[in-house]
């Protein structure tokens, strides 16, 4: 059986699907996460960063990414 690789990066589209927010609100949330974790303004946001900022569990997030 082939193992499917899992992602470690979350995108604005994923944030919209998980939270139910609009695209613009999701972009703002991603910007807040980048600012808190002192990332480059176009840098990657990991699932760990997203979970620690929003309080979602890893299982909930990974369930919505599939």
PDB file of N, CA and C in Angstrom:
ATOM      1  N   UNK A   1       0.836  -1.178   0.000  1.00  0.00           N
ATOM      2  CA  UNK A   1       0.000   0.000   0.000  1.00  0.00           C
ATOM      3  C   UNK A   1       0.887   1.248   0.000  1.00  0.00           C
ATOM      4  N   UNK A   2       0.507   2.224  -0.791  1.00  0.00           N
ATOM      5  CA  UNK A   2       1.282   3.442  -0.918  1.00  0.00           C
ATOM      6  C   UNK A   2       0.903   4.405   0.200  1.00  0.00           C
ATOM      7  N   UNK A   3       1.912   4.945   0.858  1.00  0.00           N
ATOM      8  CA  UNK A   3       1.665   5.901   1.933  1.00  0.00           C
ATOM      9  C   UNK A   3       1.512   7.301   1.338  1.00  0.00           C
ATOM     10  N   UNK A   4       0.438   7.969   1.693  1.00  0.00           N
ATOM     11  CA  UNK A   4       0.181   9.318   1.204  1.00  0.00           C
ATOM     12  C   UNK A   4       0.889  10.306   2.121  1.00  0.00           C
ATOM     13  N   UNK A   5       1.722  11.171   1.553  1.00  0.00           N
ATOM     14  CA  UNK A   5       2.407  12.146   2.412  1.00  0.00           C
ATOM     15  C   UNK A   5       1.430  13.163   2.997  1.00  0.00           C
ATOM     16  N   UNK A   6       1.717  13.598   4.192  1.00  0.00           N
ATOM     17  CA  UNK A   6       0.862  14.586   4.834  1.00  0.00           C
ATOM     18  C   UNK A   6       1.495  15.956   4.711  1.00  0.00           C
ATOM     19  N   UNK A   7       0.658  16.954   4.653  1.00  0.00           N
ATOM     20  CA  UNK A   7       1.156  18.325   4.546  1.00  0.00           C
ATOM     21  C   UNK A   7       1.482  18.878   5.914  1.00  0.00           C
ATOM     22  N   UNK A   8       2.403  19.838   5.945  1.00  0.00           N
ATOM     23  CA  UNK A   8       2.714  20.529   7.183  1.00  0.00           C
ATOM     24  C   UNK A   8       2.428  22.021   7.056  1.00  0.00           C
ATOM     25  N   UNK A   9       2.051  22.451   5.846  1.00  0.00           N
ATOM     26  CA  UNK A   9       1.790  23.863   5.575  1.00  0.00           C
ATOM     27  C   UNK A   9       0.299  24.054   5.340  1.00  0.00           C
ATOM     28  N   UNK A  10      -0.237  25.153   5.828  1.00  0.00           N
ATOM     29  CA  UNK A  10      -1.653  25.455   5.662  1.00  0.00           C
ATOM     30  C   UNK A  10      -1.777  26.712   4.806  1.00  0.00           C
ATOM     31  N   UNK A  11      -2.787  26.723   3.955  1.00  0.00           N
ATOM     32  CA  UNK A  11      -3.007  27.822   3.023  1.00  0.00           C
ATOM     33  C   UNK A  11      -4.297  28.563   3.367  1.00  0.00           C
ATOM     34  N   UNK A  12      -4.482  29.720   2.750  1.00  0.00           N
ATOM     35  CA  UNK A  12      -5.666  30.549   2.998  1.00  0.00           C
ATOM     36  C   UNK A  12      -6.937  29.785   2.651  1.00  0.00           C
ATOM     37  N   UNK A  13      -6.908  29.030   1.574  1.00  0.00           N
ATOM     38  CA  UNK A  13      -8.065  28.240   1.165  1.00  0.00           C
ATOM     39  C   UNK A  13      -8.449  27.216   2.248  1.00  0.00           C
ATOM     40  N   UNK A  14      -7.445  26.622   2.877  1.00  0.00           N
ATOM     41  CA  UNK A  14      -7.687  25.670   3.962  1.00  0.00           C
ATOM     42  C   UNK A  14      -8.295  26.373   5.179  1.00  0.00           C
ATOM     43  N   UNK A  15      -7.785  27.560   5.506  1.00  0.00           N
ATOM     44  CA  UNK A  15      -8.307  28.321   6.641  1.00  0.00           C
ATOM     45  C   UNK A  15      -9.776  28.679   6.395  1.00  0.00           C
ATOM     46  N   UNK A  16     -10.112  29.035   5.161  1.00  0.00           N
ATOM     47  CA  UNK A  16     -11.503  29.344   4.822  1.00  0.00           C
ATOM     48  C   UNK A  16     -12.394  28.132   5.027  1.00  0.00           C
ATOM     49  N   UNK A  17     -11.916  26.965   4.611  1.00  0.00           N
ATOM     50  CA  UNK A  17     -12.701  25.746   4.755  1.00  0.00           C
ATOM     51  C   UNK A  17     -12.874  25.333   6.215  1.00  0.00           C
ATOM     52  N   UNK A  18     -11.829  25.507   7.015  1.00  0.00           N
ATOM     53  CA  UNK A  18     -11.877  25.088   8.417  1.00  0.00           C
ATOM     54  C   UNK A  18     -12.747  26.033   9.251  1.00  0.00           C
ATOM     55  N   UNK A  19     -12.544  27.333   9.080  1.00  0.00           N
ATOM     56  CA  UNK A  19     -13.229  28.305   9.933  1.00  0.00           C
ATOM     57  C   UNK A  19     -14.564  28.767   9.381  1.00  0.00           C
ATOM     58  N   UNK A  20     -14.771  28.623   8.072  1.00  0.00           N
ATOM     59  CA  UNK A  20     -16.014  29.107   7.472  1.00  0.00           C
ATOM     60  C   UNK A  20     -15.996  30.602   7.215  1.00  0.00           C
ATOM     61  N   UNK A  21     -14.825  31.205   7.299  1.00  0.00           N
ATOM     62  CA  UNK A  21     -14.686  32.638   7.067  1.00  0.00           C
ATOM     63  C   UNK A  21     -14.481  32.908   5.579  1.00  0.00           C
ATOM     64  N   UNK A  22     -14.619  34.165   5.227  1.00  0.00           N
ATOM     65  CA  UNK A  22     -14.387  34.563   3.844  1.00  0.00           C
ATOM     66  C   UNK A  22     -12.889  34.520   3.530  1.00  0.00           C
ATOM     67  N   UNK A  23     -12.576  34.663   2.252  1.00  0.00           N
ATOM     68  CA  UNK A  23     -11.185  34.649   1.816  1.00  0.00           C
ATOM     69  C   UNK A  23     -10.398  35.793   2.450  1.00  0.00           C
ATOM     70  N   UNK A  24     -10.985  36.964   2.477  1.00  0.00           N
ATOM     71  CA  UNK A  24     -10.296  38.130   3.027  1.00  0.00           C
ATOM     72  C   UNK A  24     -10.048  37.981   4.534  1.00  0.00           C
ATOM     73  N   UNK A  25     -11.030  37.480   5.252  1.00  0.00           N
ATOM     74  CA  UNK A  25     -10.851  37.270   6.696  1.00  0.00           C
ATOM     75  C   UNK A  25      -9.796  36.201   6.970  1.00  0.00           C
ATOM     76  N   UNK A  26      -9.744  35.200   6.118  1.00  0.00           N
ATOM     77  CA  UNK A  26      -8.740  34.149   6.282  1.00  0.00           C
ATOM     78  C   UNK A  26      -7.350  34.695   6.015  1.00  0.00           C
ATOM     79  N   UNK A  27      -7.221  35.587   5.042  1.00  0.00           N
ATOM     80  CA  UNK A  27      -5.928  36.219   4.773  1.00  0.00           C
ATOM     81  C   UNK A  27      -5.473  37.064   5.961  1.00  0.00           C
ATOM     82  N   UNK A  28      -6.419  37.752   6.564  1.00  0.00           N
ATOM     83  CA  UNK A  28      -6.101  38.574   7.729  1.00  0.00           C
ATOM     84  C   UNK A  28      -5.652  37.694   8.896  1.00  0.00           C
ATOM     85  N   UNK A  29      -6.320  36.567   9.087  1.00  0.00           N
ATOM     86  CA  UNK A  29      -5.943  35.630  10.143  1.00  0.00           C
ATOM     87  C   UNK A  29      -4.541  35.084   9.900  1.00  0.00           C
ATOM     88  N   UNK A  30      -4.235  34.742   8.658  1.00  0.00           N
ATOM     89  CA  UNK A  30      -2.897  34.247   8.327  1.00  0.00           C
ATOM     90  C   UNK A  30      -1.840  35.323   8.578  1.00  0.00           C
ATOM     91  N   UNK A  31      -2.171  36.574   8.273  1.00  0.00           N
ATOM     92  CA  UNK A  31      -1.235  37.674   8.532  1.00  0.00           C
ATOM     93  C   UNK A  31      -0.990  37.832  10.027  1.00  0.00           C
ATOM     94  N   UNK A  32      -2.045  37.684  10.829  1.00  0.00           N
ATOM     95  CA  UNK A  32      -1.890  37.758  12.286  1.00  0.00           C
ATOM     96  C   UNK A  32      -1.003  36.630  12.807  1.00  0.00           C
ATOM     97  N   UNK A  33      -1.166  35.449  12.241  1.00  0.00           N
ATOM     98  CA  UNK A  33      -0.341  34.308  12.652  1.00  0.00           C
ATOM     99  C   UNK A  33       1.113  34.567  12.294  1.00  0.00           C
ATOM    100  N   UNK A  34       1.356  35.052  11.081  1.00  0.00           N
ATOM    101  CA  UNK A  34       2.728  35.360  10.666  1.00  0.00           C
ATOM    102  C   UNK A  34       3.359  36.421  11.565  1.00  0.00           C
ATOM    103  N   UNK A  35       2.571  37.409  11.926  1.00  0.00           N
ATOM    104  CA  UNK A  35       3.102  38.477  12.772  1.00  0.00           C
ATOM    105  C   UNK A  35       3.452  37.942  14.163  1.00  0.00           C
ATOM    106  N   UNK A  36       2.593  37.097  14.710  1.00  0.00           N
ATOM    107  CA  UNK A  36       2.837  36.574  16.057  1.00  0.00           C
ATOM    108  C   UNK A  36       4.069  35.691  16.113  1.00  0.00           C
ATOM    109  N   UNK A  37       4.263  34.881  15.069  1.00  0.00           N
ATOM    110  CA  UNK A  37       5.400  33.966  15.058  1.00  0.00           C
ATOM    111  C   UNK A  37       6.604  34.543  14.311  1.00  0.00           C
ATOM    112  N   UNK A  38       6.545  35.846  14.032  1.00  0.00           N
ATOM    113  CA  UNK A  38       7.640  36.587  13.409  1.00  0.00           C
ATOM    114  C   UNK A  38       8.141  35.933  12.129  1.00  0.00           C
ATOM    115  N   UNK A  39       7.207  35.656  11.244  1.00  0.00           N
ATOM    116  CA  UNK A  39       7.525  35.105   9.931  1.00  0.00           C
ATOM    117  C   UNK A  39       7.597  36.220   8.901  1.00  0.00           C
ATOM    118  N   UNK A  40       8.250  35.916   7.793  1.00  0.00           N
ATOM    119  CA  UNK A  40       8.280  36.800   6.644  1.00  0.00           C
ATOM    120  C   UNK A  40       6.838  36.997   6.168  1.00  0.00           C
ATOM    121  N   UNK A  41       6.506  38.158   5.621  1.00  0.00           N
ATOM    122  CA  UNK A  41       5.100  38.441   5.307  1.00  0.00           C
ATOM    123  C   UNK A  41       4.532  37.508   4.247  1.00  0.00           C
ATOM    124  N   UNK A  42       5.380  36.829   3.500  1.00  0.00           N
ATOM    125  CA  UNK A  42       4.898  35.834   2.542  1.00  0.00           C
ATOM    126  C   UNK A  42       5.379  34.441   2.921  1.00  0.00           C
ATOM    127  N   UNK A  43       5.775  34.267   4.167  1.00  0.00           N
ATOM    128  CA  UNK A  43       6.340  32.994   4.610  1.00  0.00           C
ATOM    129  C   UNK A  43       5.282  31.932   4.834  1.00  0.00           C
ATOM    130  N   UNK A  44       5.753  30.711   4.973  1.00  0.00           N
ATOM    131  CA  UNK A  44       4.876  29.571   5.207  1.00  0.00           C
ATOM    132  C   UNK A  44       4.318  29.601   6.623  1.00  0.00           C
ATOM    133  N   UNK A  45       3.096  29.117   6.766  1.00  0.00           N
ATOM    134  CA  UNK A  45       2.474  28.941   8.079  1.00  0.00           C
ATOM    135  C   UNK A  45       2.240  27.454   8.256  1.00  0.00           C
ATOM    136  N   UNK A  46       2.808  26.901   9.313  1.00  0.00           N
ATOM    137  CA  UNK A  46       2.662  25.462   9.540  1.00  0.00           C
ATOM    138  C   UNK A  46       1.341  25.171  10.253  1.00  0.00           C
ATOM    139  N   UNK A  47       0.961  23.929  10.201  1.00  0.00           N
ATOM    140  CA  UNK A  47      -0.256  23.492  10.888  1.00  0.00           C
ATOM    141  C   UNK A  47      -0.085  23.669  12.391  1.00  0.00           C
ATOM    142  N   UNK A  48       1.130  23.456  12.891  1.00  0.00           N
ATOM    143  CA  UNK A  48       1.409  23.661  14.320  1.00  0.00           C
ATOM    144  C   UNK A  48       1.175  25.106  14.727  1.00  0.00           C
ATOM    145  N   UNK A  49       1.656  26.043  13.898  1.00  0.00           N
ATOM    146  CA  UNK A  49       1.449  27.467  14.183  1.00  0.00           C
ATOM    147  C   UNK A  49      -0.042  27.801  14.194  1.00  0.00           C
ATOM    148  N   UNK A  50      -0.762  27.300  13.198  1.00  0.00           N
ATOM    149  CA  UNK A  50      -2.196  27.566  13.100  1.00  0.00           C
ATOM    150  C   UNK A  50      -2.943  27.024  14.307  1.00  0.00           C
ATOM    151  N   UNK A  51      -2.611  25.798  14.710  1.00  0.00           N
ATOM    152  CA  UNK A  51      -3.292  25.181  15.849  1.00  0.00           C
ATOM    153  C   UNK A  51      -2.997  25.907  17.157  1.00  0.00           C
ATOM    154  N   UNK A  52      -1.762  26.303  17.360  1.00  0.00           N
ATOM    155  CA  UNK A  52      -1.438  26.983  18.610  1.00  0.00           C
ATOM    156  C   UNK A  52      -2.052  28.382  18.652  1.00  0.00           C
ATOM    157  N   UNK A  53      -2.224  29.033  17.501  1.00  0.00           N
ATOM    158  CA  UNK A  53      -2.819  30.370  17.465  1.00  0.00           C
ATOM    159  C   UNK A  53      -4.332  30.314  17.648  1.00  0.00           C
ATOM    160  N   UNK A  54      -4.993  29.357  16.985  1.00  0.00           N
ATOM    161  CA  UNK A  54      -6.462  29.311  17.008  1.00  0.00           C
ATOM    162  C   UNK A  54      -7.028  28.416  18.099  1.00  0.00           C
ATOM    163  N   UNK A  55      -6.264  27.446  18.566  1.00  0.00           N
ATOM    164  CA  UNK A  55      -6.769  26.537  19.586  1.00  0.00           C
ATOM    165  C   UNK A  55      -7.413  25.275  19.025  1.00  0.00           C
ATOM    166  N   UNK A  56      -7.404  25.112  17.698  1.00  0.00           N
ATOM    167  CA  UNK A  56      -7.920  23.881  17.094  1.00  0.00           C
ATOM    168  C   UNK A  56      -6.953  22.741  17.362  1.00  0.00           C
ATOM    169  N   UNK A  57      -7.462  21.524  17.386  1.00  0.00           N
ATOM    170  CA  UNK A  57      -6.599  20.363  17.550  1.00  0.00           C
ATOM    171  C   UNK A  57      -6.058  19.936  16.192  1.00  0.00           C
ATOM    172  N   UNK A  58      -4.952  19.216  16.223  1.00  0.00           N
ATOM    173  CA  UNK A  58      -4.343  18.739  14.980  1.00  0.00           C
ATOM    174  C   UNK A  58      -5.283  17.799  14.234  1.00  0.00           C
ATOM    175  N   UNK A  59      -6.013  16.973  14.965  1.00  0.00           N
ATOM    176  CA  UNK A  59      -6.919  16.023  14.342  1.00  0.00           C
ATOM    177  C   UNK A  59      -8.024  16.736  13.576  1.00  0.00           C
ATOM    178  N   UNK A  60      -8.563  17.799  14.163  1.00  0.00           N
ATOM    179  CA  UNK A  60      -9.628  18.568  13.505  1.00  0.00           C
ATOM    180  C   UNK A  60      -9.117  19.202  12.227  1.00  0.00           C
ATOM    181  N   UNK A  61      -7.943  19.757  12.273  1.00  0.00           N
ATOM    182  CA  UNK A  61      -7.387  20.436  11.102  1.00  0.00           C
ATOM    183  C   UNK A  61      -7.071  19.430  10.006  1.00  0.00           C
ATOM    184  N   UNK A  62      -6.403  18.345  10.357  1.00  0.00           N
ATOM    185  CA  UNK A  62      -6.035  17.353   9.347  1.00  0.00           C
ATOM    186  C   UNK A  62      -7.261  16.679   8.739  1.00  0.00           C
ATOM    187  N   UNK A  63      -8.331  16.586   9.500  1.00  0.00           N
ATOM    188  CA  UNK A  63      -9.579  16.012   8.965  1.00  0.00           C
ATOM    189  C   UNK A  63     -10.136  16.887   7.849  1.00  0.00           C
ATOM    190  N   UNK A  64     -10.017  18.200   7.990  1.00  0.00           N
ATOM    191  CA  UNK A  64     -10.550  19.122   6.991  1.00  0.00           C
ATOM    192  C   UNK A  64      -9.611  19.298   5.802  1.00  0.00           C
ATOM    193  N   UNK A  65      -8.365  18.904   5.926  1.00  0.00           N
ATOM    194  CA  UNK A  65      -7.421  19.045   4.822  1.00  0.00           C
ATOM    195  C   UNK A  65      -7.553  17.942   3.795  1.00  0.00           C
ATOM    196  N   UNK A  66      -8.225  16.874   4.109  1.00  0.00           N
ATOM    197  CA  UNK A  66      -8.341  15.750   3.172  1.00  0.00           C
ATOM    198  C   UNK A  66      -9.388  15.964   2.149  1.00  0.00           C
TER     199      UNK A  66
END
